[in-house]
N, C-alpha and C. Protein backbone atom coordinates (compact mmCIF):
# COMPACT_ATOMS: atom_id res chain seq x y z
N MET A 1 188.18 22.63 102.94
CA MET A 1 186.86 22.47 103.14
C MET A 1 186.47 20.95 103.33
N SER A 2 185.55 20.36 104.44
CA SER A 2 185.15 18.79 104.31
C SER A 2 184.49 18.89 103.52
N THR A 3 184.08 16.98 103.23
CA THR A 3 182.71 17.06 102.01
C THR A 3 181.45 17.71 103.09
N ASP A 4 181.75 17.52 103.96
CA ASP A 4 180.21 17.81 104.84
C ASP A 4 180.13 19.17 104.90
N GLU A 5 180.92 19.87 105.01
CA GLU A 5 180.82 21.39 104.60
C GLU A 5 180.38 21.59 103.34
N ILE A 6 181.04 21.05 102.53
CA ILE A 6 180.30 21.48 101.14
C ILE A 6 179.18 21.16 100.90
N LEU A 7 179.08 19.51 101.35
CA LEU A 7 177.48 19.11 101.37
C LEU A 7 176.15 20.40 101.91
N SER A 8 176.90 20.92 103.38
CA SER A 8 176.02 21.51 103.69
C SER A 8 175.91 23.07 103.18
N LYS A 9 176.67 23.28 102.13
CA LYS A 9 176.44 24.89 101.52
C LYS A 9 175.49 24.24 100.24
N ILE A 10 176.07 23.26 100.03
CA ILE A 10 175.12 22.98 98.96
C ILE A 10 173.25 22.76 99.23
N LEU A 11 173.26 21.89 100.05
CA LEU A 11 171.98 21.97 101.12
C LEU A 11 171.14 23.60 101.30
N GLU A 12 172.25 24.01 101.64
CA GLU A 12 171.85 25.60 102.16
C GLU A 12 170.87 26.23 100.95
N LYS A 13 172.10 26.28 100.33
CA LYS A 13 171.80 27.12 98.89
C LYS A 13 169.98 26.79 98.38
N LEU A 14 170.36 25.22 98.34
CA LEU A 14 169.11 24.41 97.65
C LEU A 14 167.95 24.85 97.85
N SER A 15 167.65 25.14 99.55
CA SER A 15 166.50 25.32 100.52
C SER A 15 166.59 26.89 100.87
N ALA A 16 167.41 27.81 99.80
CA ALA A 16 166.77 29.04 99.85
C ALA A 16 166.16 29.43 98.93
N PRO A 17 165.18 30.35 99.06
CA PRO A 17 164.01 30.53 98.15
C PRO A 17 164.58 31.06 97.02
N PRO A 18 164.37 31.31 95.62
CA PRO A 18 164.96 31.46 94.98
C PRO A 18 164.85 33.42 94.84
N ALA A 19 165.64 33.80 94.04
CA ALA A 19 165.99 35.56 94.01
C ALA A 19 165.13 36.09 93.17
N ILE A 20 164.40 36.66 93.27
CA ILE A 20 163.33 37.85 92.37
C ILE A 20 164.52 38.65 91.73
N PRO A 21 164.19 38.54 90.32
CA PRO A 21 165.43 39.44 88.96
C PRO A 21 164.49 40.56 89.73
N LEU A 22 165.97 41.48 89.42
CA LEU A 22 165.76 43.37 90.01
C LEU A 22 164.57 43.48 88.85
N SER A 23 164.68 42.96 87.92
CA SER A 23 163.72 43.97 87.02
C SER A 23 161.92 43.81 87.43
N ILE A 24 162.02 42.84 88.04
CA ILE A 24 160.44 42.62 88.58
C ILE A 24 160.43 42.44 90.09
N ASP A 25 161.40 43.38 90.52
CA ASP A 25 161.42 43.10 91.95
C ASP A 25 160.75 44.07 92.87
N LEU A 26 159.67 43.97 94.18
CA LEU A 26 159.28 45.61 95.08
C LEU A 26 160.04 45.51 95.80
N TRP A 27 160.54 46.55 96.45
CA TRP A 27 160.71 46.77 97.32
C TRP A 27 160.29 47.39 98.75
N ASP A 28 160.47 47.14 100.13
CA ASP A 28 159.80 47.81 101.25
C ASP A 28 160.83 49.05 101.53
N ILE A 29 160.37 49.78 102.63
CA ILE A 29 161.06 50.95 102.83
C ILE A 29 162.57 49.66 103.79
N ALA A 30 162.24 49.04 104.38
CA ALA A 30 163.47 48.47 104.99
C ALA A 30 164.32 48.03 103.79
N SER A 31 164.06 47.57 102.61
CA SER A 31 164.72 46.98 101.62
C SER A 31 165.76 48.17 101.00
N ILE A 32 164.90 49.01 100.49
CA ILE A 32 165.45 50.37 100.27
C ILE A 32 166.78 51.14 101.24
N ALA A 33 166.28 50.63 102.72
CA ALA A 33 167.58 51.54 103.56
C ALA A 33 168.54 50.89 103.31
N ALA A 34 168.40 49.33 103.32
CA ALA A 34 169.74 48.18 103.23
C ALA A 34 170.12 48.84 102.57
N TYR A 35 169.58 49.02 101.01
CA TYR A 35 170.34 48.80 99.88
C TYR A 35 170.95 50.54 100.02
N LEU A 36 170.43 51.37 100.01
CA LEU A 36 171.09 52.66 100.44
C LEU A 36 172.20 53.12 101.47
N LYS A 37 172.30 51.40 102.19
CA LYS A 37 172.69 52.29 103.90
C LYS A 37 172.53 53.25 104.90
N ARG A 38 171.19 52.96 104.85
CA ARG A 38 170.64 54.46 105.37
C ARG A 38 169.65 53.74 106.69
N ASP A 39 168.96 54.46 107.65
CA ASP A 39 168.22 53.91 108.38
C ASP A 39 166.72 53.64 107.54
N PRO A 40 165.76 53.12 108.05
CA PRO A 40 164.56 52.55 107.77
C PRO A 40 163.59 54.32 107.58
N GLN A 41 164.30 55.27 108.80
CA GLN A 41 162.81 56.16 108.79
C GLN A 41 163.87 57.59 108.48
N VAL A 42 165.03 57.29 107.73
CA VAL A 42 165.74 58.44 107.12
C VAL A 42 165.39 58.22 105.74
N VAL A 43 164.76 56.67 105.81
CA VAL A 43 164.61 56.61 104.04
C VAL A 43 163.18 57.06 104.23
N ARG A 44 161.67 57.18 104.48
CA ARG A 44 160.91 57.29 104.93
C ARG A 44 160.51 58.93 105.02
N GLU A 45 161.08 59.20 105.89
CA GLU A 45 160.82 60.52 105.94
C GLU A 45 161.53 61.82 105.27
N ARG A 46 162.86 61.02 104.44
CA ARG A 46 163.41 62.43 103.84
C ARG A 46 163.64 61.82 102.79
N MET A 47 163.43 60.62 102.02
CA MET A 47 163.64 60.72 101.15
C MET A 47 162.27 60.55 99.85
N ALA A 48 161.83 59.34 100.60
CA ALA A 48 160.52 59.07 99.84
C ALA A 48 159.70 60.00 99.55
N CYS A 49 159.78 60.99 100.30
CA CYS A 49 158.84 62.13 100.41
C CYS A 49 159.11 63.18 98.99
N LEU A 50 160.65 63.14 99.03
CA LEU A 50 161.03 63.89 97.49
C LEU A 50 160.18 63.83 96.25
N PRO A 51 159.82 65.01 96.03
CA PRO A 51 159.09 64.78 94.28
C PRO A 51 160.09 63.80 93.46
N SER A 52 161.35 63.43 93.28
CA SER A 52 161.80 62.58 92.07
C SER A 52 162.15 61.29 92.63
N PHE A 53 161.66 60.77 94.12
CA PHE A 53 161.46 59.65 94.34
C PHE A 53 160.96 59.07 93.80
N PRO A 54 161.30 57.60 93.18
CA PRO A 54 159.73 57.08 92.83
C PRO A 54 158.72 56.71 93.58
N LYS A 55 157.48 56.78 92.81
CA LYS A 55 156.03 56.74 93.34
C LYS A 55 156.14 55.17 94.02
N ALA A 56 155.21 55.68 95.15
CA ALA A 56 155.10 53.88 95.35
C ALA A 56 153.40 53.40 94.68
N ILE A 57 153.48 52.13 95.23
CA ILE A 57 152.87 51.46 94.83
C ILE A 57 152.03 50.51 96.18
N ARG A 58 150.89 50.52 96.24
CA ARG A 58 149.94 50.29 97.08
C ARG A 58 149.31 49.16 96.84
N LEU A 59 149.38 48.35 96.88
CA LEU A 59 148.32 47.24 96.63
C LEU A 59 147.34 46.88 97.58
N PRO A 60 145.92 46.99 96.90
CA PRO A 60 144.99 46.80 98.24
C PRO A 60 144.59 46.01 99.16
N THR A 61 143.90 45.98 100.27
CA THR A 61 143.87 45.41 101.01
C THR A 61 142.76 45.41 102.02
N LYS A 62 142.24 45.22 102.21
CA LYS A 62 140.97 44.81 103.50
C LYS A 62 140.64 46.29 104.73
N THR A 63 142.23 46.40 104.83
CA THR A 63 141.96 46.72 106.28
C THR A 63 143.06 47.85 106.40
N GLY A 64 142.43 49.27 105.10
CA GLY A 64 143.31 50.35 104.77
C GLY A 64 144.39 50.04 104.16
N ARG A 65 145.40 50.89 103.93
CA ARG A 65 146.65 51.53 103.09
C ARG A 65 147.50 50.13 103.70
N ALA A 66 147.79 49.54 102.49
CA ALA A 66 149.01 48.66 102.68
C ALA A 66 150.46 49.38 102.18
N GLN A 67 151.31 48.57 102.79
CA GLN A 67 152.33 49.55 103.17
C GLN A 67 152.89 49.84 101.39
N PRO A 68 153.91 51.01 101.39
CA PRO A 68 154.01 51.29 100.53
C PRO A 68 155.40 50.37 99.61
N LEU A 69 155.15 50.13 98.52
CA LEU A 69 156.46 49.12 98.06
C LEU A 69 156.79 50.17 96.75
N TYR A 70 158.17 49.31 96.43
CA TYR A 70 158.73 50.43 94.96
C TYR A 70 159.65 49.88 94.39
N LYS A 71 159.21 49.94 92.89
CA LYS A 71 159.73 49.26 91.59
C LYS A 71 161.87 49.28 91.93
N ALA A 72 162.02 47.93 92.53
CA ALA A 72 163.72 47.56 92.13
C ALA A 72 164.62 48.80 91.89
N MET A 73 164.37 48.22 89.74
CA MET A 73 164.68 49.36 89.50
C MET A 73 164.84 50.71 89.29
N GLU A 74 163.36 51.45 89.75
CA GLU A 74 163.38 52.63 89.57
C GLU A 74 163.93 52.85 90.98
N VAL A 75 164.45 52.20 91.83
CA VAL A 75 164.96 53.44 92.79
C VAL A 75 166.41 52.85 92.85
N ILE A 76 166.88 52.21 91.84
CA ILE A 76 168.23 51.63 91.40
C ILE A 76 168.60 53.21 90.78
N ALA A 77 167.77 53.14 89.74
CA ALA A 77 168.04 54.02 88.47
C ALA A 77 167.99 55.82 89.55
N TRP A 78 167.07 55.66 90.30
CA TRP A 78 166.90 57.43 91.03
C TRP A 78 168.65 57.41 91.80
N THR A 79 168.60 56.61 92.28
CA THR A 79 170.13 56.31 92.67
C THR A 79 171.34 56.75 91.92
N ASN A 80 170.99 56.39 90.61
CA ASN A 80 172.37 56.30 89.76
C ASN A 80 172.15 57.66 89.29
N SER A 81 171.04 58.61 89.43
CA SER A 81 170.50 59.42 88.66
C SER A 81 171.84 60.86 89.96
N HIS A 82 171.50 60.35 91.45
CA HIS A 82 172.42 61.43 92.08
C HIS A 82 174.21 61.10 92.00
N GLN A 83 174.68 60.12 91.56
CA GLN A 83 175.87 60.32 91.38
C GLN A 83 176.97 61.55 91.05
N GLU A 84 177.93 62.07 91.44
CA GLU A 84 178.58 63.36 91.07
C GLU A 84 179.37 62.99 89.88
N ARG A 85 179.87 63.93 88.91
CA ARG A 85 179.42 63.83 87.54
C ARG A 85 181.13 65.09 88.00
N ASN A 86 182.15 64.10 87.40
CA ASN A 86 183.58 65.12 87.20
C ASN A 86 183.39 66.34 85.73
């Protein structure tokens, strides 16, 4: 790898926004779908409506209902709770 390529990669990492820790991150349906490797519509219509799925957080807005957000750690825990046991 050339010096220019290394510098380019370093600059790319420095200019990227810092990652939000999973312990405080909020995910939208698209983020959950990417994590679960499912279509967002499947998550919205078949998973998020399940009683066991984490409850949505809706931040206040002036123009009606905000999009639902979910605590990342709760979604991960919910996913892990469905792991098959031998």
